[in-house]
Amino acid sequence: KAEAHLYTIIKIARDEDLKEQTGKDIYFDLVDHEKVRSFRIQKQLPFSTFKEEVAKEYGIPVQFQRFWLWAKRQNHTYRPNRPLNPHEEMQSVGQLREISNKAQNAELKLFLEVEFGLDLQPLPPPEKSKEDILLFFKLYNPEKEVLCFVGRLFVKALGKPSDILRKLTEMAGFTPDEEIELYEEIKFEPNVMCEHIDKKLTFRASQLEDGDIVCFQKSPKADSGTQVRYPDIPSFLEYVHNRQVVHFRSLEKPKDDEFCLELSKLHTYDDVVERVARQLGLDDPAKIRLTSHNCYSQQPKPQPIRYQGVEHLLDMLVHYNQTSDILYYEVLDIPLPELQFLKTLKVAFHHATKEEVVIHSIRLPKNSTIADVIIDLKTKVDLSSPTAELRVLEVFYHKIYKIFPLHEKIENINDQYWTLRAEEVPEEEKNPSQHDRLIHVYHFTKDPLQNQIQNFGDPFFLAICEGETLAEVKGRIQRKLQVPDEEFSKWKFAFISMNRPDYLQDSDVVSARFQRRDVYGAWEQYLGLEHTDTAPKRAYTANQNRHTHEKPVRIYN
């Protein structure tokens, strides 16, 4: 570390690297500099000394080596730009690096040009004038969908592609009379740009310069009869640029990859669900529902993707400025477009006499009302009598916040945060006299440290009569909750308003405490039952301890 500033890393790319990487590690540009041979050289060493090290490493005598500087172009491609001149070769490694990249990083990237004769022995580099252009050539095979680097040539700026066609067919291993098409690979970010080269124009007229890449292929035959996915180089490069391997996970098992598919970032919503359905052997792609991945939490996003709610696969994968390669899927029992017009509510049904709370999923059109929920629920639950009436309550943290009116639309009801509870309306509440009051009754304990009230268990309503004493009310509560005498004798009863308990005696008239009707929120005035919370803790809020003890819960989806 202490000596790091005294050294420069030199990365040398050679024809062999281009051949090895193109079509495997990379498709665009010429080389991945992270995967080429690097040398750690002292900055004050003359560049000529470094050339001797290269000669030892590769067996290429110094006089046959020519090094090119790379340059980042305005369109974000990275290409060999010009050869080092004799004056630069006299300098030290450290000075050269500064010429190369104005101290962007501590590396010097070079391309080593070596020419070989027919006997495969190295030759001195050819003279290069301003009229000579160094071009790199890639060959595309549409049948095999393969792109490879086949070599480089110097061409004359005023020459034409037609002058080098024989050389290119030779490089490709084609017969000399094979018709070929040429394209220039211009750029690939943010979009691929690959344009046809007119063989009759000069290289200068086609704006070709040192370091440019020419891709070529056999001219497509109209009557060949073979079907290929990407018949020409632009379509193949477009495919490569946009292809995306996506890891699909079942929403029920969000940690495990179920399968991977190679898709295109430009695939439409319909393309993607069609491929997923095919993978799962499903006839109807509309029954697939997808959910995007949250790159920060590494979990599915809370809301699924709406039917045709995004245009392309890329829109499904982008999360803020990050791109994920994970999507979650579900197989629905009905097509997603239909489901989107429906609302699913989880309703916990508390039977009048049975010990079990049953959670039902009610799926109805969004414009349905609570009355429709009750009609649907009646077909799914056991009632104490055929004429039993049901009501739906909103329960949150062991308090009842509202009785839903029958006409209330279900579209805006949120069952994620609070529990929807359905129950039979007790007989004594059905025909109240004008003096009867319906009061809230909640279980509570007092935190001895903070002297705060904590509610628990299942809240309920109780109809009380005018003049009824606590002793009479207690008897009805004990019967309703079926609490043994020994345990019930330990319970205390309090009128609670704004979280402050006022303990009651057996002779107190309960209705006298509930005279005020102007209290904001009826749930803030209630009859509190103080006793120990003996229920085991359960995570699911819908099973908030029925009466005093936790009851078993069954979930029906």
Protein backbone atom coordinates (compact mmCIF):
# COMPACT_ATOMS: atom_id res chain seq x y z
CA LYS A 1 0.00 0.00 0.00
CA ALA A 2 2.79 2.41 0.93
CA GLU A 3 4.44 1.92 -2.47
CA ALA A 4 1.27 1.73 -4.60
CA HIS A 5 1.70 5.30 -5.89
CA LEU A 6 5.08 4.34 -7.33
CA TYR A 7 3.55 1.81 -9.71
CA THR A 8 1.25 1.82 -12.72
CA ILE A 9 -0.92 -1.07 -13.88
CA ILE A 10 -0.61 -1.61 -17.64
CA LYS A 11 -3.38 -3.71 -19.25
CA ILE A 12 -2.48 -5.21 -22.61
CA ALA A 13 -5.24 -6.35 -24.99
CA ARG A 14 -4.18 -8.55 -27.93
CA ASP A 15 -5.93 -10.12 -30.92
CA GLU A 16 -6.13 -13.34 -28.88
CA ASP A 17 -8.19 -11.56 -26.18
CA LEU A 18 -10.61 -10.19 -28.77
CA LYS A 19 -11.04 -13.65 -30.30
CA GLU A 20 -11.55 -15.30 -26.92
CA GLN A 21 -14.07 -12.80 -25.51
CA THR A 22 -16.24 -11.78 -28.46
CA GLY A 23 -19.47 -13.78 -28.57
CA LYS A 24 -18.89 -15.22 -25.07
CA ASP A 25 -18.12 -12.55 -22.47
CA ILE A 26 -18.88 -9.54 -24.67
CA TYR A 27 -20.75 -8.74 -27.86
CA PHE A 28 -20.23 -4.98 -28.10
CA ASP A 29 -16.94 -3.08 -28.37
CA LEU A 30 -13.79 -5.19 -28.52
CA VAL A 31 -12.61 -6.35 -25.13
CA ASP A 32 -13.30 -6.46 -21.39
CA HIS A 33 -10.16 -4.91 -19.92
CA GLU A 34 -10.82 -6.62 -16.59
CA LYS A 35 -10.03 -9.96 -18.24
CA VAL A 36 -6.78 -9.15 -20.05
CA ARG A 37 -3.17 -9.60 -18.87
CA SER A 38 -2.06 -6.82 -16.55
CA PHE A 39 1.49 -5.81 -15.63
CA ARG A 40 2.52 -3.87 -12.49
CA ILE A 41 5.32 -1.56 -13.55
CA GLN A 42 7.32 1.10 -11.71
CA LYS A 43 6.35 4.54 -13.00
CA GLN A 44 9.90 5.75 -13.54
CA LEU A 45 10.84 2.80 -15.78
CA PRO A 46 11.27 3.70 -19.47
CA PHE A 47 8.51 2.33 -21.67
CA SER A 48 11.22 0.58 -23.73
CA THR A 49 12.05 -1.55 -20.66
CA PHE A 50 8.39 -2.54 -20.41
CA LYS A 51 8.47 -3.64 -24.09
CA GLU A 52 11.28 -6.04 -23.20
CA GLU A 53 9.06 -7.55 -20.51
CA VAL A 54 6.28 -7.97 -23.11
CA ALA A 55 8.80 -9.67 -25.44
CA LYS A 56 9.63 -12.17 -22.67
CA GLU A 57 5.95 -12.76 -21.83
CA TYR A 58 4.66 -13.29 -25.39
CA GLY A 59 7.76 -14.15 -27.43
CA ILE A 60 7.30 -11.09 -29.65
CA PRO A 61 10.62 -9.26 -30.21
CA VAL A 62 10.53 -5.54 -29.34
CA GLN A 63 10.91 -4.35 -32.95
CA PHE A 64 7.70 -6.17 -33.95
CA GLN A 65 5.52 -4.58 -31.24
CA ARG A 66 3.28 -1.59 -31.84
CA PHE A 67 1.08 -0.24 -29.05
CA TRP A 68 -2.14 1.70 -29.46
CA LEU A 69 -3.82 3.97 -26.92
CA TRP A 70 -7.52 3.40 -26.24
CA ALA A 71 -9.99 6.28 -26.09
CA LYS A 72 -13.50 6.64 -24.70
CA ARG A 73 -15.66 8.17 -27.41
CA GLN A 74 -18.51 10.61 -26.91
CA ASN A 75 -21.03 7.82 -27.56
CA HIS A 76 -19.52 5.84 -24.62
CA THR A 77 -17.76 3.22 -26.75
CA TYR A 78 -14.10 2.41 -26.04
CA ARG A 79 -11.82 1.84 -29.03
CA PRO A 80 -8.12 1.85 -30.04
CA ASN A 81 -7.48 5.45 -31.04
CA ARG A 82 -3.89 5.89 -32.30
CA PRO A 83 -0.46 4.22 -32.08
CA LEU A 84 2.16 5.54 -29.68
CA ASN A 85 4.67 7.72 -31.53
CA PRO A 86 8.48 7.25 -31.18
CA HIS A 87 8.72 10.26 -28.84
CA GLU A 88 6.11 8.79 -26.48
CA GLU A 89 7.86 5.42 -26.49
CA MET A 90 10.97 7.18 -25.13
CA GLN A 91 9.07 8.36 -22.07
CA SER A 92 8.59 6.70 -18.72
CA VAL A 93 5.58 4.52 -17.95
CA GLY A 94 4.24 7.17 -15.53
CA GLN A 95 4.36 9.97 -18.14
CA LEU A 96 2.60 7.77 -20.68
CA ARG A 97 -0.24 7.05 -18.32
CA GLU A 98 -0.85 10.76 -17.90
CA ILE A 99 -0.96 11.23 -21.68
CA SER A 100 -3.36 8.30 -21.92
CA ASN A 101 -6.13 9.26 -19.55
CA LYS A 102 -5.39 12.52 -17.75
CA ALA A 103 -5.21 10.77 -14.37
CA GLN A 104 -8.71 9.22 -14.53
CA ASN A 105 -7.27 6.14 -12.84
CA ALA A 106 -3.95 4.49 -12.19
CA GLU A 107 -4.15 2.18 -15.21
CA LEU A 108 -2.69 2.43 -18.69
CA LYS A 109 -4.68 0.46 -21.28
CA LEU A 110 -2.95 -0.49 -24.54
CA PHE A 111 -3.68 -2.60 -27.61
CA LEU A 112 -0.70 -4.63 -28.87
CA GLU A 113 -0.63 -4.83 -32.66
CA VAL A 114 1.54 -7.59 -34.11
CA GLU A 115 1.60 -8.51 -37.81
CA PHE A 116 2.42 -12.05 -38.89
CA GLY A 117 3.71 -13.31 -42.24
CA LEU A 118 2.57 -16.41 -44.11
CA ASP A 119 5.10 -18.44 -42.14
CA LEU A 120 3.40 -17.19 -38.92
CA GLN A 121 6.56 -15.34 -37.95
CA PRO A 122 6.14 -11.75 -36.66
CA LEU A 123 6.78 -8.89 -39.07
CA PRO A 124 7.67 -5.23 -38.46
CA PRO A 125 4.53 -3.03 -38.12
CA PRO A 126 3.49 -1.56 -41.50
CA GLU A 127 3.93 2.16 -42.10
CA LYS A 128 0.77 4.03 -41.08
CA SER A 129 -0.10 7.30 -42.76
CA LYS A 130 -3.22 9.41 -42.20
CA GLU A 131 -4.73 7.58 -45.17
CA ASP A 132 -4.51 4.23 -43.39
CA ILE A 133 -7.42 3.20 -41.16
CA LEU A 134 -7.29 0.28 -38.71
CA LEU A 135 -10.64 -1.58 -38.75
CA PHE A 136 -11.74 -4.53 -36.61
CA PHE A 137 -14.00 -7.22 -38.06
CA LYS A 138 -16.69 -9.40 -36.48
CA LEU A 139 -18.51 -12.20 -38.31
CA TYR A 140 -22.15 -13.14 -37.67
CA ASN A 141 -23.73 -16.54 -38.36
CA PRO A 142 -27.58 -16.19 -38.31
CA GLU A 143 -28.24 -19.98 -38.25
CA LYS A 144 -26.12 -20.53 -35.15
CA GLU A 145 -26.76 -17.03 -33.69
CA VAL A 146 -23.00 -16.68 -33.18
CA LEU A 147 -20.87 -13.54 -33.37
CA CYS A 148 -17.07 -13.85 -33.37
CA PHE A 149 -13.99 -11.69 -33.93
CA VAL A 150 -12.18 -12.70 -37.10
CA GLY A 151 -9.38 -10.14 -37.37
CA ARG A 152 -8.36 -6.62 -38.33
CA LEU A 153 -7.15 -4.89 -41.45
CA PHE A 154 -5.62 -1.61 -42.53
CA VAL A 155 -7.68 -0.03 -45.31
CA LYS A 156 -7.14 3.13 -47.36
CA ALA A 157 -9.45 6.01 -46.47
CA LEU A 158 -10.26 6.50 -50.16
CA GLY A 159 -10.58 2.79 -50.80
CA LYS A 160 -13.95 1.00 -50.84
CA PRO A 161 -15.27 -2.09 -49.06
CA SER A 162 -15.41 -3.79 -52.45
CA ASP A 163 -11.57 -3.70 -52.43
CA ILE A 164 -11.38 -5.96 -49.37
CA LEU A 165 -14.27 -8.38 -50.00
CA ARG A 166 -11.92 -11.21 -51.04
CA LYS A 167 -9.87 -10.73 -47.83
CA LEU A 168 -13.05 -10.80 -45.73
CA THR A 169 -14.39 -14.00 -47.34
CA GLU A 170 -10.98 -15.55 -46.68
CA MET A 171 -11.09 -14.43 -43.00
CA ALA A 172 -14.56 -15.95 -42.67
CA GLY A 173 -13.69 -19.19 -44.47
CA PHE A 174 -16.30 -18.49 -47.20
CA THR A 175 -15.84 -19.24 -50.90
CA PRO A 176 -14.33 -16.22 -52.73
CA ASP A 177 -17.56 -15.48 -54.62
CA GLU A 178 -19.82 -15.47 -51.49
CA GLU A 179 -22.01 -12.35 -51.31
CA ILE A 180 -21.59 -10.56 -47.99
CA GLU A 181 -23.27 -7.63 -46.21
CA LEU A 182 -21.34 -5.14 -44.05
CA TYR A 183 -22.55 -3.13 -41.07
CA GLU A 184 -20.82 -0.68 -38.75
CA GLU A 185 -21.27 -1.27 -35.00
CA ILE A 186 -21.55 2.36 -33.88
CA LYS A 187 -22.80 2.25 -30.27
CA PHE A 188 -24.96 0.26 -27.86
CA GLU A 189 -25.91 2.64 -25.02
CA PRO A 190 -28.65 3.55 -24.39
CA ASN A 191 -29.74 1.94 -27.67
CA VAL A 192 -28.04 -0.18 -30.28
CA MET A 193 -26.92 1.68 -33.39
CA CYS A 194 -25.66 -0.58 -36.18
CA GLU A 195 -25.86 0.75 -39.75
CA HIS A 196 -25.50 -0.85 -43.16
CA ILE A 197 -22.28 0.05 -45.01
CA ASP A 198 -22.58 0.86 -48.72
CA LYS A 199 -19.89 -1.20 -50.46
CA LYS A 200 -19.64 1.36 -53.28
CA LEU A 201 -18.78 4.33 -51.02
CA THR A 202 -15.25 5.06 -49.80
CA PHE A 203 -14.41 4.31 -46.20
CA ARG A 204 -14.02 8.05 -45.60
CA ALA A 205 -17.46 8.74 -47.10
CA SER A 206 -18.89 6.14 -44.70
CA GLN A 207 -17.15 8.07 -41.87
CA LEU A 208 -15.01 5.10 -40.83
CA GLU A 209 -11.92 5.80 -38.74
CA ASP A 210 -9.25 4.04 -36.66
CA GLY A 211 -10.72 1.63 -34.13
CA ASP A 212 -14.11 1.25 -35.86
CA ILE A 213 -15.84 -2.13 -35.90
CA VAL A 214 -17.25 -3.66 -39.08
CA CYS A 215 -19.60 -6.63 -38.67
CA PHE A 216 -20.32 -8.79 -41.72
CA GLN A 217 -22.35 -11.84 -42.70
CA LYS A 218 -23.47 -13.79 -45.74
CA SER A 219 -26.13 -11.91 -47.70
CA PRO A 220 -29.53 -13.40 -46.69
CA LYS A 221 -30.96 -15.55 -49.49
CA ALA A 222 -34.64 -14.94 -50.17
CA ASP A 223 -35.29 -18.59 -51.13
CA SER A 224 -33.15 -20.30 -48.49
CA GLY A 225 -36.23 -21.67 -46.71
CA THR A 226 -34.46 -21.86 -43.33
CA GLN A 227 -36.17 -19.88 -40.60
CA VAL A 228 -33.83 -17.84 -38.40
CA ARG A 229 -34.81 -15.68 -35.44
CA TYR A 230 -32.38 -12.83 -36.17
CA PRO A 231 -31.58 -12.73 -39.89
CA ASP A 232 -29.17 -9.80 -39.79
CA ILE A 233 -26.57 -8.25 -37.49
CA PRO A 234 -28.67 -5.24 -36.30
CA SER A 235 -31.53 -7.53 -35.20
CA PHE A 236 -29.10 -9.90 -33.44
CA LEU A 237 -27.33 -7.07 -31.58
CA GLU A 238 -30.73 -5.63 -30.61
CA TYR A 239 -31.67 -9.04 -29.19
CA VAL A 240 -28.38 -9.37 -27.27
CA HIS A 241 -28.66 -5.83 -25.89
CA ASN A 242 -32.21 -6.38 -24.61
CA ARG A 243 -32.15 -10.00 -23.51
CA GLN A 244 -32.71 -10.51 -19.82
CA VAL A 245 -32.64 -13.68 -17.77
CA VAL A 246 -35.42 -13.37 -15.19
CA HIS A 247 -35.58 -15.50 -12.03
CA PHE A 248 -39.21 -16.35 -11.27
CA ARG A 249 -40.30 -17.15 -7.72
CA SER A 250 -43.65 -18.26 -6.39
CA LEU A 251 -45.17 -15.46 -4.28
CA GLU A 252 -45.86 -18.10 -1.61
CA LYS A 253 -42.12 -18.98 -1.43
CA PRO A 254 -40.47 -15.62 -2.09
CA LYS A 255 -36.93 -16.78 -1.22
CA ASP A 256 -36.59 -19.63 -3.74
CA ASP A 257 -36.15 -19.43 -7.51
CA GLU A 258 -38.65 -21.75 -9.22
CA PHE A 259 -37.39 -21.30 -12.80
CA CYS A 260 -35.49 -18.88 -15.06
CA LEU A 261 -36.54 -17.60 -18.48
CA GLU A 262 -34.53 -15.71 -21.06
CA LEU A 263 -36.75 -12.81 -22.10
CA SER A 264 -36.30 -9.45 -23.80
CA LYS A 265 -36.50 -6.17 -21.91
CA LEU A 266 -38.78 -5.06 -24.76
CA HIS A 267 -41.25 -7.93 -24.25
CA THR A 268 -44.76 -6.63 -23.57
CA TYR A 269 -46.81 -7.54 -20.49
CA ASP A 270 -48.70 -10.12 -22.59
CA ASP A 271 -45.44 -11.66 -23.89
CA VAL A 272 -44.14 -12.15 -20.35
CA VAL A 273 -47.26 -13.77 -18.83
CA GLU A 274 -47.61 -15.93 -21.94
CA ARG A 275 -44.06 -17.30 -21.46
CA VAL A 276 -44.67 -17.88 -17.72
CA ALA A 277 -47.96 -19.67 -18.44
CA ARG A 278 -46.21 -21.86 -21.04
CA GLN A 279 -43.49 -22.71 -18.51
CA LEU A 280 -46.14 -23.70 -15.93
CA GLY A 281 -48.27 -25.61 -18.46
CA LEU A 282 -51.18 -23.23 -17.92
CA ASP A 283 -53.79 -22.72 -20.65
CA ASP A 284 -54.82 -19.17 -19.74
CA PRO A 285 -52.00 -16.59 -19.32
CA ALA A 286 -54.54 -14.13 -17.84
CA LYS A 287 -54.54 -16.28 -14.68
CA ILE A 288 -50.91 -15.32 -14.03
CA ARG A 289 -50.43 -12.39 -11.66
CA LEU A 290 -46.94 -10.91 -11.34
CA THR A 291 -45.38 -8.88 -8.54
CA SER A 292 -42.16 -6.84 -8.82
CA HIS A 293 -39.12 -7.15 -6.55
CA ASN A 294 -38.10 -4.46 -4.08
CA CYS A 295 -34.30 -4.19 -4.45
CA TYR A 296 -33.91 -2.56 -1.03
CA SER A 297 -35.96 -4.91 1.16
CA GLN A 298 -35.17 -7.94 -1.07
CA GLN A 299 -38.87 -8.86 -0.90
CA PRO A 300 -41.90 -8.69 -3.18
CA LYS A 301 -43.48 -5.26 -3.48
CA PRO A 302 -46.75 -5.02 -1.50
CA GLN A 303 -48.92 -4.38 -4.57
CA PRO A 304 -48.99 -6.78 -7.54
CA ILE A 305 -48.70 -5.56 -11.14
CA ARG A 306 -52.12 -4.75 -12.54
CA TYR A 307 -53.33 -6.54 -15.68
CA GLN A 308 -51.44 -4.92 -18.58
CA GLY A 309 -50.44 -2.25 -16.03
CA VAL A 310 -46.93 -1.89 -17.49
CA GLU A 311 -45.80 -1.79 -21.10
CA HIS A 312 -42.58 -3.78 -21.07
CA LEU A 313 -40.59 -6.29 -19.03
CA LEU A 314 -38.06 -3.56 -18.22
CA ASP A 315 -40.83 -1.57 -16.44
CA MET A 316 -41.49 -4.60 -14.23
CA LEU A 317 -37.82 -4.91 -13.24
CA VAL A 318 -36.89 -1.29 -12.54
CA HIS A 319 -37.15 -0.20 -8.89
CA TYR A 320 -36.19 3.47 -8.55
CA ASN A 321 -32.77 3.61 -10.25
CA GLN A 322 -31.99 -0.10 -9.84
CA THR A 323 -32.84 -2.99 -12.13
CA SER A 324 -33.73 -6.33 -10.60
CA ASP A 325 -33.81 -9.74 -12.32
CA ILE A 326 -36.50 -11.24 -10.05
CA LEU A 327 -40.27 -11.46 -10.54
CA TYR A 328 -42.85 -13.22 -8.36
CA TYR A 329 -45.83 -15.05 -9.81
CA GLU A 330 -49.18 -16.41 -8.62
CA VAL A 331 -51.61 -18.68 -10.42
CA LEU A 332 -55.13 -17.31 -9.84
CA ASP A 333 -58.37 -19.27 -9.95
CA ILE A 334 -59.96 -16.65 -12.21
CA PRO A 335 -58.42 -14.38 -14.88
CA LEU A 336 -56.75 -11.26 -13.47
CA PRO A 337 -58.88 -8.76 -15.48
CA GLU A 338 -61.98 -10.25 -13.78
CA LEU A 339 -60.30 -10.32 -10.38
CA GLN A 340 -59.43 -6.63 -10.66
CA PHE A 341 -63.12 -5.81 -10.76
CA LEU A 342 -63.57 -7.79 -7.56
CA LYS A 343 -62.64 -6.99 -3.98
CA THR A 344 -61.51 -9.74 -1.62
CA LEU A 345 -62.17 -9.20 2.08
CA LYS A 346 -61.04 -11.42 4.94
CA VAL A 347 -63.92 -11.66 7.45
CA ALA A 348 -63.58 -13.38 10.85
CA PHE A 349 -66.86 -15.04 11.75
CA HIS A 350 -67.60 -15.39 15.48
CA HIS A 351 -70.30 -18.01 16.02
CA ALA A 352 -72.86 -17.33 18.75
CA THR A 353 -72.16 -20.57 20.64
CA LYS A 354 -69.24 -22.38 19.00
CA GLU A 355 -65.75 -21.96 20.30
CA GLU A 356 -64.13 -21.48 16.90
CA VAL A 357 -63.40 -18.31 14.93
CA VAL A 358 -63.49 -19.00 11.19
CA ILE A 359 -61.86 -16.63 8.71
CA HIS A 360 -63.54 -16.49 5.31
CA SER A 361 -62.37 -14.83 2.11
CA ILE A 362 -65.30 -13.01 0.54
CA ARG A 363 -64.80 -12.03 -3.12
CA LEU A 364 -67.38 -9.69 -4.61
CA PRO A 365 -67.57 -6.94 -7.27
CA LYS A 366 -66.06 -3.69 -5.98
CA ASN A 367 -69.36 -1.84 -6.07
CA SER A 368 -70.92 -4.38 -3.66
CA THR A 369 -72.12 -3.35 -0.20
CA ILE A 370 -71.84 -4.80 3.31
CA ALA A 371 -75.34 -6.23 2.76
CA ASP A 372 -73.90 -8.29 -0.14
CA VAL A 373 -71.04 -9.47 2.11
CA ILE A 374 -73.58 -10.69 4.67
CA ILE A 375 -75.64 -12.50 2.00
CA ASP A 376 -72.46 -14.24 0.75
CA LEU A 377 -71.26 -15.06 4.26
CA LYS A 378 -74.61 -16.66 5.20
CA THR A 379 -74.00 -19.29 2.49
CA LYS A 380 -70.65 -20.23 4.11
CA VAL A 381 -71.29 -20.28 7.86
CA ASP A 382 -73.39 -22.22 10.36
CA LEU A 383 -76.03 -19.98 11.94
CA SER A 384 -77.70 -20.66 15.30
CA SER A 385 -81.08 -20.35 13.53
CA PRO A 386 -82.21 -19.77 9.92
CA THR A 387 -83.54 -16.33 10.84
CA ALA A 388 -80.35 -15.13 12.52
CA GLU A 389 -79.26 -11.62 11.57
CA LEU A 390 -75.58 -10.80 10.96
CA ARG A 391 -73.62 -7.58 11.38
CA VAL A 392 -70.06 -6.66 10.41
CA LEU A 393 -67.80 -4.75 12.82
CA GLU A 394 -64.47 -3.02 12.45
CA VAL A 395 -62.15 -4.17 15.28
CA PHE A 396 -58.73 -2.67 15.94
CA TYR A 397 -56.54 -3.31 18.96
CA HIS A 398 -59.37 -4.98 20.90
CA LYS A 399 -61.83 -2.11 20.45
CA ILE A 400 -64.91 -1.91 18.22
CA TYR A 401 -64.69 1.19 16.05
CA LYS A 402 -67.85 0.85 14.02
CA ILE A 403 -70.77 -1.27 12.93
CA PHE A 404 -70.74 -1.12 9.14
CA PRO A 405 -74.00 0.21 7.69
CA LEU A 406 -75.55 -2.26 5.24
CA HIS A 407 -75.33 0.25 2.37
CA GLU A 408 -71.56 0.90 2.79
CA LYS A 409 -69.57 0.08 -0.36
CA ILE A 410 -66.78 -2.46 0.15
CA GLU A 411 -64.33 -0.92 -2.34
CA ASN A 412 -62.67 1.38 0.21
CA ILE A 413 -62.76 -0.96 3.21
CA ASN A 414 -59.26 -1.91 4.34
CA ASP A 415 -58.94 -5.36 5.88
CA GLN A 416 -55.13 -5.23 6.02
CA TYR A 417 -54.84 -3.09 9.14
CA TRP A 418 -57.98 -3.87 11.10
CA THR A 419 -60.09 -6.95 11.49
CA LEU A 420 -63.52 -7.27 9.92
CA ARG A 421 -65.63 -9.31 12.31
CA ALA A 422 -69.00 -10.79 11.50
CA GLU A 423 -71.34 -12.00 14.25
CA GLU A 424 -74.96 -12.78 14.89
CA VAL A 425 -77.04 -9.99 16.45
CA PRO A 426 -78.17 -11.33 19.88
CA GLU A 427 -81.94 -11.57 20.44
CA GLU A 428 -81.89 -9.05 23.32
CA GLU A 429 -80.48 -6.38 20.99
CA LYS A 430 -83.04 -6.86 18.24
CA ASN A 431 -86.04 -5.05 19.77
CA PRO A 432 -84.64 -2.53 22.23
CA SER A 433 -86.98 -0.28 24.17
CA GLN A 434 -86.34 3.45 24.03
CA HIS A 435 -84.62 3.29 27.42
CA ASP A 436 -82.17 0.52 26.50
CA ARG A 437 -78.58 1.41 25.70
CA LEU A 438 -76.06 -0.55 23.62
CA ILE A 439 -72.68 -0.18 25.33
CA HIS A 440 -69.14 -1.31 24.41
CA VAL A 441 -67.57 -3.86 26.77
CA TYR A 442 -63.79 -4.43 26.60
CA HIS A 443 -61.31 -6.54 28.54
CA PHE A 444 -58.35 -4.74 30.11
CA THR A 445 -55.39 -5.06 32.41
CA LYS A 446 -53.47 -2.25 34.07
CA ASP A 447 -49.75 -1.95 33.54
CA PRO A 448 -48.50 -1.55 37.15
CA LEU A 449 -45.36 0.30 36.06
CA GLN A 450 -46.92 2.89 33.78
CA ASN A 451 -50.40 2.80 35.29
CA GLN A 452 -51.78 2.50 31.78
CA ILE A 453 -54.75 0.53 30.55
CA GLN A 454 -54.07 -2.23 28.02
CA ASN A 455 -56.98 -3.81 26.21
CA PHE A 456 -56.93 -7.44 25.10
CA GLY A 457 -59.28 -10.16 23.97
CA ASP A 458 -62.48 -9.78 22.00
CA PRO A 459 -64.58 -6.65 22.56
CA PHE A 460 -68.37 -7.00 22.43
CA PHE A 461 -71.63 -5.09 22.70
CA LEU A 462 -74.09 -5.38 25.57
CA ALA A 463 -77.64 -4.05 25.78
CA ILE A 464 -78.34 -2.55 29.23
CA CYS A 465 -81.69 -1.49 30.59
CA GLU A 466 -82.55 1.70 32.36
CA GLY A 467 -81.93 1.33 36.12
CA GLU A 468 -80.02 -1.98 35.76
CA THR A 469 -77.36 -2.38 38.48
CA LEU A 470 -73.85 -3.71 38.01
CA ALA A 471 -74.80 -6.90 39.88
CA GLU A 472 -77.48 -7.66 37.25
CA VAL A 473 -75.20 -6.74 34.34
CA LYS A 474 -72.39 -8.90 35.79
CA GLY A 475 -74.69 -11.94 35.82
CA ARG A 476 -75.46 -11.52 32.12
CA ILE A 477 -71.78 -11.01 31.24
CA GLN A 478 -70.78 -14.16 33.14
CA ARG A 479 -73.39 -16.19 31.27
CA LYS A 480 -72.41 -14.68 27.92
CA LEU A 481 -68.71 -15.41 28.42
CA GLN A 482 -69.24 -18.68 30.33
CA VAL A 483 -66.65 -17.83 32.98
CA PRO A 484 -66.44 -20.14 36.06
CA ASP A 485 -67.51 -18.57 39.42
CA GLU A 486 -64.08 -18.88 40.99
CA GLU A 487 -62.37 -16.97 38.21
CA PHE A 488 -65.21 -14.45 37.76
CA SER A 489 -65.09 -13.49 41.42
CA LYS A 490 -61.63 -11.98 40.84
CA TRP A 491 -62.82 -9.66 38.03
CA LYS A 492 -63.24 -5.92 38.58
CA PHE A 493 -65.61 -3.69 36.65
CA ALA A 494 -65.01 -0.06 35.72
CA PHE A 495 -66.64 2.68 33.68
CA ILE A 496 -63.81 3.87 31.45
CA SER A 497 -63.79 7.21 29.69
CA MET A 498 -60.75 8.59 27.87
CA ASN A 499 -58.64 5.71 29.26
CA ARG A 500 -59.40 6.55 32.91
CA PRO A 501 -61.13 3.82 34.98
CA ASP A 502 -63.86 4.59 37.50
CA TYR A 503 -64.44 1.34 39.43
CA LEU A 504 -68.07 0.33 40.02
CA GLN A 505 -69.82 -1.35 42.95
CA ASP A 506 -72.50 -4.01 42.55
CA SER A 507 -75.20 -1.51 43.54
CA ASP A 508 -74.18 1.16 40.95
CA VAL A 509 -76.67 1.79 38.16
CA VAL A 510 -74.65 1.16 35.01
CA SER A 511 -76.89 3.12 32.61
CA ALA A 512 -76.39 6.26 34.73
CA ARG A 513 -72.75 6.35 33.65
CA PHE A 514 -73.57 6.14 29.95
CA GLN A 515 -75.88 9.18 29.81
CA ARG A 516 -73.66 11.49 27.74
CA ARG A 517 -74.19 11.00 24.04
CA ASP A 518 -71.87 13.71 22.79
CA VAL A 519 -68.65 11.76 23.39
CA TYR A 520 -66.42 11.67 20.31
CA GLY A 521 -66.08 8.02 19.38
CA ALA A 522 -68.28 5.63 21.34
CA TRP A 523 -65.28 3.31 21.77
CA GLU A 524 -63.78 5.84 24.20
CA GLN A 525 -66.57 5.17 26.72
CA TYR A 526 -66.94 1.57 27.72
CA LEU A 527 -67.55 -0.91 30.49
CA GLY A 528 -64.14 -2.38 31.30
CA LEU A 529 -63.62 -5.92 32.57
CA GLU A 530 -60.34 -6.00 34.51
CA HIS A 531 -58.74 -9.43 34.81
CA THR A 532 -55.52 -11.19 33.85
CA ASP A 533 -54.94 -11.95 30.18
CA THR A 534 -54.50 -15.72 30.12
CA ALA A 535 -54.54 -16.11 26.33
CA PRO A 536 -51.41 -17.25 24.51
CA LYS A 537 -50.19 -14.54 22.15
CA ARG A 538 -50.98 -15.06 18.48
CA ALA A 539 -49.62 -12.93 15.68
CA TYR A 540 -52.80 -12.85 13.60
CA THR A 541 -55.01 -9.99 14.77
CA ALA A 542 -58.24 -11.46 13.44
CA ASN A 543 -58.17 -14.05 16.21
CA GLN A 544 -58.08 -11.49 18.97
CA ASN A 545 -58.94 -13.77 21.85
CA ARG A 546 -62.64 -14.51 21.73
CA HIS A 547 -64.17 -13.59 25.10
CA THR A 548 -61.39 -14.23 27.61
CA HIS A 549 -59.51 -17.20 26.28
CA GLU A 550 -57.96 -17.60 22.84
CA LYS A 551 -60.20 -19.68 20.62
CA PRO A 552 -59.00 -21.87 17.78
CA VAL A 553 -58.99 -20.20 14.36
CA ARG A 554 -59.67 -21.84 11.04
CA ILE A 555 -58.90 -20.01 7.79
CA TYR A 556 -60.91 -20.67 4.61
CA ASN A 557 -59.58 -19.10 1.42
